[in-house]
Amino acid sequence: MKAQDKNVVAVSYRLEVEGQIADSAGAEAPLEYIQGTGMLIPGFEAAVSGKEPGESFDFTLQPEEGYGEYNPQHCFPIPKSAFVVDGTLREDLLQIGAIIPMMNGNGQVVQGRIAEIGEDSVTMDFNHPMAGKVLHFMGEVVSVREATKKELEEGLHGEYLPHECHCKHGKGEGHCKHGEGEGHCHHGEGHCHDGECGGEDCHCGEGEKCGDVCNCEK
C-alpha cells in the first residue's frame, strides 16, 4: 500500500540541521502520522506521499517549505508576575532556553522559549526552534495502513479531542475547557481570561480580579 491521504504512515528518519542530527526515530519506534491531515509539515508529507513500506527517502527542505523564516516580531516581553504562583516567583521556570507551553489569544497552546531574563520581564521567543533552518531528512517508510474512522475523528492519540483542565474561581472549584473562552492553563500553573481562572494553582481572593496572565489584581 502506498502512502496517501487518510493512511496511517510510520517512518524511521533522521533530521540533520547545520551538519548535526537534530531529531530521529528508529524503525523499532517509528514516527506515525495520518497522511494529508497536516500533522507534519507539508514538505515532509509531500516527499513521502506515494512511497511504499521499505522505500527510502532523502530530501532537503528550505525554511519556507519547513517551519518558515525566523521572525523577530514573534518575541515578546512578559511581566515576571506571570510566573508568580502563590506569591512566589517560579525561579525554576526562569532559565534561558527553557521551553514553556503558553496559551495565545485564540486559546491555542504555543511553545515559547525563554530568550532573555530581565529585571522585571521575561522575553519569550515563539518562533519554532527550526524556524529559518534548512532541514535535511533521511529515512524509510516502515508501514502504511488505512486509518480507522475513530483515528480520523479523534486523531492517532486523541489529539483532536477537546482538552479540559480543572480550575478554581475565587474560593470555589470550577471547570474550564481549553480554547473555549472559559479559562486557560498557562505553563502548567494557570492562566486567567475574561475573569475566569484556569489551572490548579490560579485563584484570587475577595475583592480581587484576574489579570491577563494569572495575576490577581485589586
N, C-alpha and C. Protein backbone atom coordinates (compact mmCIF):
# COMPACT_ATOMS: atom_id res chain seq x y z
N MET A 1 0.85 -1.20 0.00
CA MET A 1 0.00 0.00 0.00
C MET A 1 0.88 1.25 0.00
N LYS A 2 0.52 2.20 -0.84
CA LYS A 2 1.28 3.45 -0.93
C LYS A 2 0.75 4.48 0.07
N ALA A 3 1.64 5.33 0.53
CA ALA A 3 1.26 6.40 1.44
C ALA A 3 0.40 7.41 0.70
N GLN A 4 -0.83 7.56 1.15
CA GLN A 4 -1.74 8.53 0.56
C GLN A 4 -2.66 9.07 1.64
N ASP A 5 -3.48 10.06 1.28
CA ASP A 5 -4.34 10.71 2.26
C ASP A 5 -5.19 9.71 3.01
N LYS A 6 -5.34 9.97 4.31
CA LYS A 6 -6.14 9.17 5.25
C LYS A 6 -5.50 7.82 5.56
N ASN A 7 -4.22 7.67 5.24
CA ASN A 7 -3.47 6.48 5.64
C ASN A 7 -2.61 6.81 6.85
N VAL A 8 -2.45 5.83 7.75
CA VAL A 8 -1.50 5.98 8.84
C VAL A 8 -0.15 5.52 8.33
N VAL A 9 0.80 6.43 8.32
CA VAL A 9 2.14 6.15 7.79
C VAL A 9 3.13 6.15 8.95
N ALA A 10 3.97 5.15 9.00
CA ALA A 10 5.04 5.07 10.01
C ALA A 10 6.38 5.18 9.29
N VAL A 11 7.24 6.05 9.79
CA VAL A 11 8.54 6.25 9.16
C VAL A 11 9.65 6.25 10.21
N SER A 12 10.79 5.73 9.83
CA SER A 12 12.01 5.94 10.60
C SER A 12 12.76 7.05 9.87
N TYR A 13 13.45 7.90 10.62
CA TYR A 13 14.10 9.03 9.96
C TYR A 13 15.19 9.63 10.83
N ARG A 14 16.01 10.44 10.18
CA ARG A 14 16.98 11.31 10.85
C ARG A 14 16.81 12.70 10.27
N LEU A 15 16.83 13.70 11.12
CA LEU A 15 16.76 15.09 10.68
C LEU A 15 18.11 15.73 10.95
N GLU A 16 18.74 16.20 9.89
CA GLU A 16 20.04 16.85 10.00
C GLU A 16 19.87 18.35 9.79
N VAL A 17 20.37 19.14 10.72
CA VAL A 17 20.29 20.60 10.64
C VAL A 17 21.68 21.16 10.92
N GLU A 18 22.19 21.92 9.99
CA GLU A 18 23.51 22.55 10.12
C GLU A 18 24.58 21.53 10.46
N GLY A 19 24.49 20.36 9.81
CA GLY A 19 25.51 19.33 9.98
C GLY A 19 25.37 18.48 11.22
N GLN A 20 24.33 18.72 12.01
CA GLN A 20 24.12 17.96 13.24
C GLN A 20 22.77 17.24 13.19
N ILE A 21 22.69 16.05 13.80
CA ILE A 21 21.43 15.33 13.89
C ILE A 21 20.56 16.01 14.95
N ALA A 22 19.46 16.60 14.52
CA ALA A 22 18.59 17.34 15.42
C ALA A 22 17.46 16.49 15.97
N ASP A 23 17.07 15.43 15.26
CA ASP A 23 15.96 14.59 15.71
C ASP A 23 16.03 13.27 14.93
N SER A 24 15.44 12.23 15.51
CA SER A 24 15.45 10.95 14.83
C SER A 24 14.40 10.03 15.43
N ALA A 25 14.04 8.99 14.67
CA ALA A 25 13.14 7.93 15.14
C ALA A 25 13.57 6.65 14.44
N GLY A 26 13.80 5.61 15.24
CA GLY A 26 14.24 4.35 14.67
C GLY A 26 13.08 3.47 14.23
N ALA A 27 13.38 2.42 13.50
CA ALA A 27 12.34 1.52 12.99
C ALA A 27 11.62 0.81 14.12
N GLU A 28 12.28 0.65 15.29
CA GLU A 28 11.64 -0.01 16.42
C GLU A 28 10.60 0.88 17.10
N ALA A 29 10.70 2.17 16.91
CA ALA A 29 9.72 3.12 17.45
C ALA A 29 9.55 4.26 16.45
N PRO A 30 8.96 3.97 15.30
CA PRO A 30 8.87 4.96 14.23
C PRO A 30 7.88 6.09 14.54
N LEU A 31 8.01 7.14 13.77
CA LEU A 31 7.06 8.24 13.83
C LEU A 31 5.82 7.85 13.04
N GLU A 32 4.65 7.95 13.67
CA GLU A 32 3.40 7.65 12.99
C GLU A 32 2.59 8.93 12.81
N TYR A 33 1.95 9.07 11.67
CA TYR A 33 1.10 10.22 11.41
C TYR A 33 0.04 9.84 10.38
N ILE A 34 -1.00 10.64 10.28
CA ILE A 34 -2.04 10.41 9.28
C ILE A 34 -1.76 11.32 8.09
N GLN A 35 -1.45 10.72 6.96
CA GLN A 35 -1.10 11.48 5.76
C GLN A 35 -2.26 12.37 5.32
N GLY A 36 -1.93 13.61 4.98
CA GLY A 36 -2.92 14.53 4.43
C GLY A 36 -3.73 15.29 5.44
N THR A 37 -3.41 15.16 6.73
CA THR A 37 -4.19 15.87 7.76
C THR A 37 -3.43 17.04 8.37
N GLY A 38 -2.23 17.30 7.86
CA GLY A 38 -1.46 18.44 8.37
C GLY A 38 -0.76 18.17 9.68
N MET A 39 -0.62 16.90 10.07
CA MET A 39 0.08 16.59 11.31
C MET A 39 1.56 16.92 11.21
N LEU A 40 2.12 16.78 10.00
CA LEU A 40 3.52 17.11 9.77
C LEU A 40 3.60 18.27 8.78
N ILE A 41 4.79 18.85 8.66
CA ILE A 41 4.95 19.96 7.72
C ILE A 41 4.66 19.46 6.31
N PRO A 42 4.03 20.30 5.47
CA PRO A 42 3.63 19.87 4.12
C PRO A 42 4.77 19.30 3.29
N GLY A 43 5.96 19.88 3.41
CA GLY A 43 7.08 19.40 2.61
C GLY A 43 7.44 17.96 2.92
N PHE A 44 7.32 17.57 4.18
CA PHE A 44 7.63 16.19 4.56
C PHE A 44 6.58 15.25 3.99
N GLU A 45 5.30 15.57 4.17
CA GLU A 45 4.23 14.71 3.66
C GLU A 45 4.31 14.59 2.14
N ALA A 46 4.63 15.68 1.47
CA ALA A 46 4.72 15.64 0.00
C ALA A 46 5.84 14.71 -0.45
N ALA A 47 6.96 14.72 0.28
CA ALA A 47 8.10 13.89 -0.11
C ALA A 47 7.84 12.41 0.14
N VAL A 48 7.01 12.09 1.14
CA VAL A 48 6.73 10.70 1.47
C VAL A 48 5.53 10.16 0.69
N SER A 49 4.68 11.06 0.22
CA SER A 49 3.47 10.64 -0.49
C SER A 49 3.80 9.72 -1.66
N GLY A 50 3.04 8.62 -1.75
CA GLY A 50 3.22 7.68 -2.85
C GLY A 50 4.25 6.59 -2.59
N LYS A 51 4.99 6.69 -1.49
CA LYS A 51 6.00 5.69 -1.20
C LYS A 51 5.37 4.48 -0.48
N GLU A 52 6.00 3.34 -0.63
CA GLU A 52 5.53 2.10 -0.04
C GLU A 52 6.47 1.65 1.07
N PRO A 53 6.02 0.77 1.97
CA PRO A 53 6.90 0.25 3.01
C PRO A 53 8.19 -0.32 2.41
N GLY A 54 9.31 0.04 3.03
CA GLY A 54 10.62 -0.40 2.53
C GLY A 54 11.31 0.62 1.66
N GLU A 55 10.57 1.58 1.13
CA GLU A 55 11.17 2.63 0.29
C GLU A 55 11.86 3.67 1.18
N SER A 56 12.99 4.12 0.74
CA SER A 56 13.75 5.14 1.49
C SER A 56 13.48 6.53 0.92
N PHE A 57 13.84 7.53 1.68
CA PHE A 57 13.71 8.92 1.22
C PHE A 57 14.90 9.71 1.72
N ASP A 58 15.22 10.74 0.97
CA ASP A 58 16.34 11.63 1.30
C ASP A 58 16.03 12.95 0.60
N PHE A 59 15.64 13.96 1.38
CA PHE A 59 15.26 15.23 0.78
C PHE A 59 15.60 16.39 1.70
N THR A 60 15.70 17.56 1.11
CA THR A 60 16.04 18.78 1.84
C THR A 60 14.95 19.82 1.67
N LEU A 61 14.55 20.44 2.77
CA LEU A 61 13.52 21.48 2.73
C LEU A 61 14.13 22.81 3.13
N GLN A 62 13.85 23.83 2.33
CA GLN A 62 14.24 25.19 2.69
C GLN A 62 13.29 25.73 3.77
N PRO A 63 13.68 26.79 4.47
CA PRO A 63 12.84 27.30 5.55
C PRO A 63 11.38 27.53 5.16
N GLU A 64 11.15 28.06 3.96
CA GLU A 64 9.77 28.34 3.55
C GLU A 64 8.97 27.06 3.32
N GLU A 65 9.66 25.94 3.15
CA GLU A 65 8.98 24.66 2.98
C GLU A 65 8.84 23.91 4.31
N GLY A 66 9.54 24.42 5.31
CA GLY A 66 9.52 23.76 6.61
C GLY A 66 8.77 24.58 7.65
N TYR A 67 9.52 25.26 8.53
CA TYR A 67 8.90 25.98 9.64
C TYR A 67 8.94 27.50 9.45
N GLY A 68 9.23 27.93 8.23
CA GLY A 68 9.20 29.36 7.93
C GLY A 68 10.48 30.06 8.34
N GLU A 69 10.58 31.31 7.94
CA GLU A 69 11.73 32.13 8.31
C GLU A 69 11.60 32.59 9.76
N TYR A 70 12.73 32.87 10.37
CA TYR A 70 12.72 33.38 11.74
C TYR A 70 12.15 34.80 11.74
N ASN A 71 11.20 35.06 12.62
CA ASN A 71 10.55 36.37 12.68
C ASN A 71 10.78 36.99 14.06
N PRO A 72 11.59 38.05 14.13
CA PRO A 72 11.86 38.69 15.43
C PRO A 72 10.61 39.28 16.08
N GLN A 73 9.56 39.51 15.29
CA GLN A 73 8.32 40.05 15.86
C GLN A 73 7.56 39.01 16.68
N HIS A 74 8.03 37.76 16.65
CA HIS A 74 7.41 36.72 17.46
C HIS A 74 8.07 36.58 18.82
N CYS A 75 8.86 37.59 19.19
CA CYS A 75 9.46 37.65 20.52
C CYS A 75 8.73 38.73 21.33
N PHE A 76 8.30 38.39 22.55
CA PHE A 76 7.52 39.32 23.34
C PHE A 76 8.01 39.34 24.79
N PRO A 77 8.05 40.53 25.40
CA PRO A 77 8.36 40.60 26.83
C PRO A 77 7.09 40.30 27.64
N ILE A 78 7.23 39.49 28.66
CA ILE A 78 6.13 39.13 29.53
C ILE A 78 6.52 39.49 30.96
N PRO A 79 5.64 40.16 31.71
CA PRO A 79 5.99 40.52 33.09
C PRO A 79 6.36 39.31 33.92
N LYS A 80 7.34 39.47 34.79
CA LYS A 80 7.73 38.36 35.66
C LYS A 80 6.58 37.93 36.57
N SER A 81 5.64 38.84 36.78
CA SER A 81 4.49 38.50 37.63
C SER A 81 3.70 37.33 37.06
N ALA A 82 3.85 37.08 35.74
CA ALA A 82 3.16 35.95 35.12
C ALA A 82 3.67 34.62 35.65
N PHE A 83 4.85 34.65 36.24
CA PHE A 83 5.47 33.42 36.73
C PHE A 83 5.44 33.34 38.25
N VAL A 84 4.59 34.16 38.86
CA VAL A 84 4.41 34.13 40.31
C VAL A 84 3.25 33.21 40.66
N VAL A 85 3.51 32.23 41.49
CA VAL A 85 2.49 31.28 41.93
C VAL A 85 2.44 31.28 43.44
N ASP A 86 1.25 31.55 43.98
CA ASP A 86 1.07 31.61 45.43
C ASP A 86 2.08 32.55 46.08
N GLY A 87 2.31 33.68 45.40
CA GLY A 87 3.18 34.71 45.95
C GLY A 87 4.66 34.47 45.77
N THR A 88 5.02 33.37 45.08
CA THR A 88 6.43 33.04 44.91
C THR A 88 6.80 32.99 43.43
N LEU A 89 7.87 33.67 43.06
CA LEU A 89 8.34 33.64 41.69
C LEU A 89 8.93 32.28 41.39
N ARG A 90 8.44 31.64 40.31
CA ARG A 90 8.92 30.31 39.94
C ARG A 90 10.30 30.40 39.28
N GLU A 91 11.32 30.55 40.09
CA GLU A 91 12.68 30.66 39.58
C GLU A 91 13.08 29.42 38.78
N ASP A 92 12.49 28.26 39.13
CA ASP A 92 12.85 27.02 38.44
C ASP A 92 12.43 27.05 36.98
N LEU A 93 11.41 27.88 36.66
CA LEU A 93 10.97 28.00 35.27
C LEU A 93 11.81 28.98 34.48
N LEU A 94 12.42 29.93 35.18
CA LEU A 94 13.12 31.03 34.51
C LEU A 94 14.56 30.66 34.22
N GLN A 95 14.75 29.90 33.14
CA GLN A 95 16.07 29.51 32.69
C GLN A 95 16.17 29.79 31.19
N ILE A 96 17.26 30.46 30.77
CA ILE A 96 17.45 30.75 29.35
C ILE A 96 17.39 29.45 28.55
N GLY A 97 16.57 29.46 27.50
CA GLY A 97 16.43 28.28 26.66
C GLY A 97 15.32 27.34 27.07
N ALA A 98 14.75 27.56 28.25
CA ALA A 98 13.67 26.69 28.71
C ALA A 98 12.44 26.85 27.82
N ILE A 99 11.80 25.74 27.49
CA ILE A 99 10.59 25.75 26.68
C ILE A 99 9.39 25.66 27.59
N ILE A 100 8.47 26.62 27.46
CA ILE A 100 7.30 26.68 28.33
C ILE A 100 6.05 26.77 27.47
N PRO A 101 5.11 25.83 27.60
CA PRO A 101 3.85 25.92 26.86
C PRO A 101 2.99 27.05 27.41
N MET A 102 2.47 27.88 26.52
CA MET A 102 1.63 29.01 26.93
C MET A 102 0.42 29.07 26.00
N MET A 103 -0.56 29.88 26.36
CA MET A 103 -1.78 29.99 25.59
C MET A 103 -1.81 31.32 24.84
N ASN A 104 -2.13 31.27 23.54
CA ASN A 104 -2.23 32.51 22.78
C ASN A 104 -3.64 33.07 22.85
N GLY A 105 -3.88 34.18 22.16
CA GLY A 105 -5.18 34.84 22.22
C GLY A 105 -6.31 34.04 21.61
N ASN A 106 -5.98 33.01 20.81
CA ASN A 106 -7.00 32.17 20.19
C ASN A 106 -7.28 30.90 20.98
N GLY A 107 -6.68 30.83 22.17
CA GLY A 107 -6.90 29.66 23.00
C GLY A 107 -6.09 28.45 22.58
N GLN A 108 -5.03 28.66 21.79
CA GLN A 108 -4.20 27.57 21.33
C GLN A 108 -2.91 27.51 22.15
N VAL A 109 -2.44 26.31 22.43
CA VAL A 109 -1.20 26.14 23.16
C VAL A 109 -0.03 26.36 22.21
N VAL A 110 0.88 27.25 22.58
CA VAL A 110 2.08 27.51 21.77
C VAL A 110 3.30 27.33 22.66
N GLN A 111 4.39 26.88 22.05
CA GLN A 111 5.62 26.65 22.80
C GLN A 111 6.48 27.91 22.75
N GLY A 112 6.78 28.46 23.90
CA GLY A 112 7.63 29.63 23.98
C GLY A 112 8.98 29.29 24.60
N ARG A 113 10.04 29.85 24.06
CA ARG A 113 11.39 29.63 24.60
C ARG A 113 11.86 30.90 25.29
N ILE A 114 12.37 30.77 26.50
CA ILE A 114 12.89 31.93 27.21
C ILE A 114 14.17 32.38 26.55
N ALA A 115 14.13 33.59 25.97
CA ALA A 115 15.29 34.11 25.25
C ALA A 115 16.12 35.06 26.10
N GLU A 116 15.45 35.75 27.02
CA GLU A 116 16.16 36.74 27.84
C GLU A 116 15.39 36.95 29.14
N ILE A 117 16.12 37.13 30.21
CA ILE A 117 15.50 37.38 31.52
C ILE A 117 15.98 38.73 32.02
N GLY A 118 15.04 39.67 32.14
CA GLY A 118 15.36 41.00 32.63
C GLY A 118 15.01 41.16 34.09
N GLU A 119 15.12 42.37 34.57
CA GLU A 119 14.82 42.63 35.98
C GLU A 119 13.34 42.47 36.29
N ASP A 120 12.49 42.94 35.36
CA ASP A 120 11.04 42.89 35.61
C ASP A 120 10.27 42.08 34.59
N SER A 121 10.94 41.64 33.52
CA SER A 121 10.22 40.92 32.48
C SER A 121 11.06 39.78 31.91
N VAL A 122 10.36 38.90 31.20
CA VAL A 122 11.00 37.76 30.55
C VAL A 122 10.65 37.82 29.07
N THR A 123 11.64 37.78 28.20
CA THR A 123 11.39 37.79 26.76
C THR A 123 11.19 36.37 26.28
N MET A 124 10.00 36.10 25.73
CA MET A 124 9.65 34.79 25.22
C MET A 124 9.74 34.79 23.71
N ASP A 125 10.39 33.79 23.16
CA ASP A 125 10.53 33.63 21.72
C ASP A 125 9.57 32.54 21.26
N PHE A 126 8.56 32.93 20.45
CA PHE A 126 7.55 31.99 20.00
C PHE A 126 7.79 31.48 18.58
N ASN A 127 8.98 31.74 18.04
CA ASN A 127 9.34 31.12 16.77
C ASN A 127 9.56 29.63 17.01
N HIS A 128 9.25 28.83 16.00
CA HIS A 128 9.55 27.40 16.12
C HIS A 128 11.07 27.25 16.21
N PRO A 129 11.57 26.31 17.01
CA PRO A 129 13.03 26.13 17.13
C PRO A 129 13.72 25.90 15.80
N MET A 130 12.98 25.39 14.81
CA MET A 130 13.56 25.12 13.49
C MET A 130 13.26 26.22 12.48
N ALA A 131 12.69 27.33 12.94
CA ALA A 131 12.41 28.44 12.02
C ALA A 131 13.71 28.97 11.45
N GLY A 132 13.72 29.20 10.14
CA GLY A 132 14.91 29.72 9.47
C GLY A 132 15.96 28.68 9.17
N LYS A 133 15.67 27.41 9.48
CA LYS A 133 16.66 26.35 9.28
C LYS A 133 16.38 25.56 8.00
N VAL A 134 17.46 25.08 7.37
CA VAL A 134 17.36 24.15 6.25
C VAL A 134 17.31 22.75 6.83
N LEU A 135 16.30 21.97 6.44
CA LEU A 135 16.05 20.66 7.04
C LEU A 135 16.40 19.55 6.06
N HIS A 136 17.27 18.64 6.47
CA HIS A 136 17.67 17.50 5.64
C HIS A 136 17.15 16.22 6.29
N PHE A 137 16.16 15.59 5.65
CA PHE A 137 15.55 14.37 6.17
C PHE A 137 16.06 13.15 5.41
N MET A 138 16.37 12.11 6.14
CA MET A 138 16.76 10.82 5.56
C MET A 138 16.03 9.73 6.33
N GLY A 139 15.47 8.74 5.63
CA GLY A 139 14.78 7.69 6.34
C GLY A 139 14.12 6.68 5.44
N GLU A 140 13.15 5.97 6.02
CA GLU A 140 12.49 4.90 5.30
C GLU A 140 11.05 4.77 5.77
N VAL A 141 10.16 4.42 4.86
CA VAL A 141 8.78 4.15 5.22
C VAL A 141 8.72 2.75 5.84
N VAL A 142 8.23 2.66 7.06
CA VAL A 142 8.17 1.38 7.78
C VAL A 142 6.88 0.64 7.49
N SER A 143 5.75 1.36 7.51
CA SER A 143 4.46 0.71 7.27
C SER A 143 3.44 1.74 6.80
N VAL A 144 2.42 1.24 6.13
CA VAL A 144 1.30 2.07 5.68
C VAL A 144 0.03 1.26 5.86
N ARG A 145 -0.98 1.88 6.46
CA ARG A 145 -2.27 1.22 6.62
C ARG A 145 -3.37 2.26 6.57
N GLU A 146 -4.60 1.82 6.36
CA GLU A 146 -5.72 2.74 6.36
C GLU A 146 -6.02 3.18 7.79
N ALA A 147 -6.33 4.45 7.95
CA ALA A 147 -6.72 4.96 9.27
C ALA A 147 -8.15 4.52 9.58
N THR A 148 -8.40 4.23 10.84
CA THR A 148 -9.76 3.88 11.24
C THR A 148 -10.62 5.14 11.32
N LYS A 149 -11.92 4.96 11.35
CA LYS A 149 -12.83 6.10 11.46
C LYS A 149 -12.56 6.86 12.75
N LYS A 150 -12.30 6.12 13.84
CA LYS A 150 -12.02 6.76 15.12
C LYS A 150 -10.74 7.59 15.05
N GLU A 151 -9.71 7.06 14.40
CA GLU A 151 -8.45 7.79 14.28
C GLU A 151 -8.62 9.06 13.47
N LEU A 152 -9.44 9.00 12.42
CA LEU A 152 -9.69 10.19 11.60
C LEU A 152 -10.47 11.24 12.37
N GLU A 153 -11.36 10.80 13.26
CA GLU A 153 -12.19 11.73 14.03
C GLU A 153 -11.48 12.26 15.27
N GLU A 154 -10.70 11.38 15.93
CA GLU A 154 -10.11 11.75 17.21
C GLU A 154 -8.60 11.97 17.15
N GLY A 155 -7.96 11.52 16.06
CA GLY A 155 -6.51 11.59 15.97
C GLY A 155 -5.88 10.29 16.44
N LEU A 156 -4.64 10.08 16.11
CA LEU A 156 -3.96 8.84 16.50
C LEU A 156 -3.88 8.68 18.00
N HIS A 157 -3.73 9.79 18.70
CA HIS A 157 -3.58 9.75 20.15
C HIS A 157 -4.61 10.64 20.84
N GLY A 158 -5.76 10.83 20.19
CA GLY A 158 -6.81 11.66 20.79
C GLY A 158 -6.53 13.14 20.73
N GLU A 159 -5.61 13.56 19.83
CA GLU A 159 -5.23 14.97 19.78
C GLU A 159 -6.32 15.89 19.24
N TYR A 160 -7.34 15.31 18.58
CA TYR A 160 -8.43 16.15 18.08
C TYR A 160 -9.54 16.34 19.11
N LEU A 161 -9.47 15.61 20.22
CA LEU A 161 -10.49 15.72 21.25
C LEU A 161 -10.28 17.00 22.04
N PRO A 162 -11.36 17.60 22.58
CA PRO A 162 -11.19 18.80 23.41
C PRO A 162 -10.44 18.46 24.68
N HIS A 163 -9.49 19.32 25.03
CA HIS A 163 -8.72 19.12 26.25
C HIS A 163 -9.33 19.97 27.37
N GLU A 164 -9.43 19.38 28.53
CA GLU A 164 -10.04 20.06 29.65
C GLU A 164 -9.05 20.17 30.80
N CYS A 165 -9.28 21.15 31.66
CA CYS A 165 -8.45 21.28 32.85
C CYS A 165 -9.33 21.72 34.01
N HIS A 166 -9.04 21.22 35.20
CA HIS A 166 -9.75 21.65 36.39
C HIS A 166 -9.21 23.00 36.81
N CYS A 167 -10.08 23.83 37.34
CA CYS A 167 -9.63 25.15 37.74
C CYS A 167 -10.36 25.63 38.97
N LYS A 168 -9.90 26.73 39.52
CA LYS A 168 -10.52 27.36 40.68
C LYS A 168 -10.93 28.77 40.29
N HIS A 169 -12.04 29.20 40.77
CA HIS A 169 -12.51 30.56 40.51
C HIS A 169 -12.84 31.17 41.85
N GLY A 170 -12.02 32.14 42.28
CA GLY A 170 -12.21 32.67 43.61
C GLY A 170 -11.94 31.58 44.63
N LYS A 171 -12.92 31.32 45.52
CA LYS A 171 -12.76 30.28 46.51
C LYS A 171 -13.45 28.99 46.11
N GLY A 172 -14.18 29.03 44.98
CA GLY A 172 -14.94 27.86 44.58
C GLY A 172 -14.23 27.06 43.51
N GLU A 173 -14.55 25.78 43.45
CA GLU A 173 -14.00 24.94 42.41
C GLU A 173 -14.77 25.16 41.11
N GLY A 174 -14.09 25.05 39.98
CA GLY A 174 -14.75 25.24 38.70
C GLY A 174 -14.22 24.28 37.67
N HIS A 175 -14.57 24.47 36.44
CA HIS A 175 -14.10 23.61 35.36
C HIS A 175 -13.94 24.48 34.13
N CYS A 176 -12.88 24.27 33.39
CA CYS A 176 -12.67 25.09 32.20
C CYS A 176 -12.23 24.23 31.04
N LYS A 177 -12.47 24.70 29.85
CA LYS A 177 -12.08 23.99 28.64
C LYS A 177 -11.12 24.85 27.84
N HIS A 178 -10.04 24.23 27.36
CA HIS A 178 -9.06 24.95 26.54
C HIS A 178 -9.74 25.52 25.29
N GLY A 179 -9.41 26.75 25.00
CA GLY A 179 -9.81 27.35 23.73
C GLY A 179 -11.28 27.70 23.62
N GLU A 180 -12.05 27.62 24.73
CA GLU A 180 -13.46 27.95 24.66
C GLU A 180 -13.80 29.20 25.46
N GLY A 181 -12.79 29.99 25.81
CA GLY A 181 -13.03 31.25 26.48
C GLY A 181 -13.43 31.13 27.93
N GLU A 182 -13.28 29.92 28.53
CA GLU A 182 -13.69 29.73 29.91
C GLU A 182 -12.51 29.67 30.86
N GLY A 183 -11.32 29.88 30.36
CA GLY A 183 -10.14 29.79 31.21
C GLY A 183 -9.04 29.03 30.52
N HIS A 184 -7.83 29.42 30.78
CA HIS A 184 -6.70 28.80 30.10
C HIS A 184 -5.73 28.21 31.11
N CYS A 185 -5.03 27.15 30.74
CA CYS A 185 -3.90 26.64 31.52
C CYS A 185 -2.64 27.27 30.96
N HIS A 186 -1.79 27.76 31.84
CA HIS A 186 -0.63 28.54 31.43
C HIS A 186 0.62 28.00 32.12
N HIS A 187 1.62 27.63 31.37
CA HIS A 187 2.86 26.99 31.82
C HIS A 187 2.63 26.05 32.99
N GLY A 188 1.52 25.28 32.91
CA GLY A 188 1.24 24.25 33.89
C GLY A 188 0.68 24.77 35.19
N GLU A 189 0.51 26.08 35.33
CA GLU A 189 0.06 26.61 36.62
C GLU A 189 -1.28 27.31 36.54
N GLY A 190 -1.60 27.92 35.42
CA GLY A 190 -2.90 28.58 35.30
C GLY A 190 -2.81 29.88 34.51
N HIS A 191 -3.90 30.24 33.90
CA HIS A 191 -3.95 31.48 33.13
C HIS A 191 -5.34 32.06 33.29
N CYS A 192 -5.42 33.34 33.55
CA CYS A 192 -6.72 33.97 33.76
C CYS A 192 -7.19 34.64 32.47
N HIS A 193 -8.49 34.54 32.21
CA HIS A 193 -9.03 35.07 30.96
C HIS A 193 -10.49 35.45 31.18
N ASP A 194 -10.83 36.70 30.86
CA ASP A 194 -12.20 37.17 30.97
C ASP A 194 -12.80 36.90 32.35
N GLY A 195 -11.98 37.12 33.40
CA GLY A 195 -12.50 36.95 34.74
C GLY A 195 -12.55 35.53 35.23
N GLU A 196 -12.16 34.58 34.39
CA GLU A 196 -12.18 33.18 34.81
C GLU A 196 -10.74 32.75 35.10
N CYS A 197 -10.58 31.94 36.12
CA CYS A 197 -9.25 31.47 36.49
C CYS A 197 -9.08 30.03 36.09
N GLY A 198 -7.99 29.72 35.40
CA GLY A 198 -7.73 28.35 34.99
C GLY A 198 -6.48 27.83 35.65
N GLY A 199 -6.37 26.54 35.77
CA GLY A 199 -5.19 25.94 36.36
C GLY A 199 -5.36 25.67 37.84
N GLU A 200 -4.73 24.66 38.35
CA GLU A 200 -4.95 24.22 39.71
C GLU A 200 -4.45 25.23 40.75
N ASP A 201 -3.52 26.08 40.40
CA ASP A 201 -2.93 27.00 41.37
C ASP A 201 -3.31 28.45 41.11
N CYS A 202 -4.36 28.65 40.34
CA CYS A 202 -4.74 30.02 39.98
C CYS A 202 -6.06 30.37 40.63
N HIS A 203 -6.04 31.20 41.65
CA HIS A 203 -7.28 31.67 42.25
C HIS A 203 -7.02 33.02 42.92
N CYS A 204 -8.07 33.83 43.00
CA CYS A 204 -7.95 35.17 43.56
C CYS A 204 -8.85 35.29 44.79
N GLY A 205 -8.43 36.16 45.68
CA GLY A 205 -9.19 36.35 46.90
C GLY A 205 -10.32 37.35 46.71
N GLU A 206 -11.05 37.60 47.80
CA GLU A 206 -12.17 38.54 47.73
C GLU A 206 -11.65 39.93 47.42
N GLY A 207 -12.39 40.64 46.59
CA GLY A 207 -12.01 41.99 46.21
C GLY A 207 -10.93 42.05 45.15
N GLU A 208 -10.51 40.87 44.64
CA GLU A 208 -9.50 40.83 43.60
C GLU A 208 -10.10 40.24 42.33
N LYS A 209 -9.49 40.55 41.22
CA LYS A 209 -9.92 40.00 39.95
C LYS A 209 -8.72 39.45 39.21
N CYS A 210 -9.00 38.63 38.23
CA CYS A 210 -7.91 38.02 37.46
C CYS A 210 -7.33 39.02 36.47
N GLY A 211 -5.99 39.03 36.38
CA GLY A 211 -5.34 39.81 35.34
C GLY A 211 -5.21 38.96 34.09
N ASP A 212 -4.37 39.41 33.15
CA ASP A 212 -4.24 38.71 31.90
C ASP A 212 -3.44 37.43 31.98
N VAL A 213 -2.54 37.32 32.92
CA VAL A 213 -1.65 36.17 32.98
C VAL A 213 -1.64 35.56 34.38
N CYS A 214 -2.81 35.20 34.87
CA CYS A 214 -2.93 34.55 36.17
C CYS A 214 -2.33 35.41 37.26
N ASN A 215 -2.63 36.67 37.22
CA ASN A 215 -2.11 37.60 38.21
C ASN A 215 -3.29 38.30 38.85
N CYS A 216 -3.48 38.13 40.14
CA CYS A 216 -4.62 38.73 40.82
C CYS A 216 -4.41 40.23 41.01
N GLU A 217 -5.46 41.00 40.73
CA GLU A 217 -5.37 42.45 40.83
C GLU A 217 -6.54 42.98 41.63
N LYS A 218 -6.31 44.11 42.26
CA LYS A 218 -7.40 44.79 43.00
C LYS A 218 -8.36 45.42 42.02
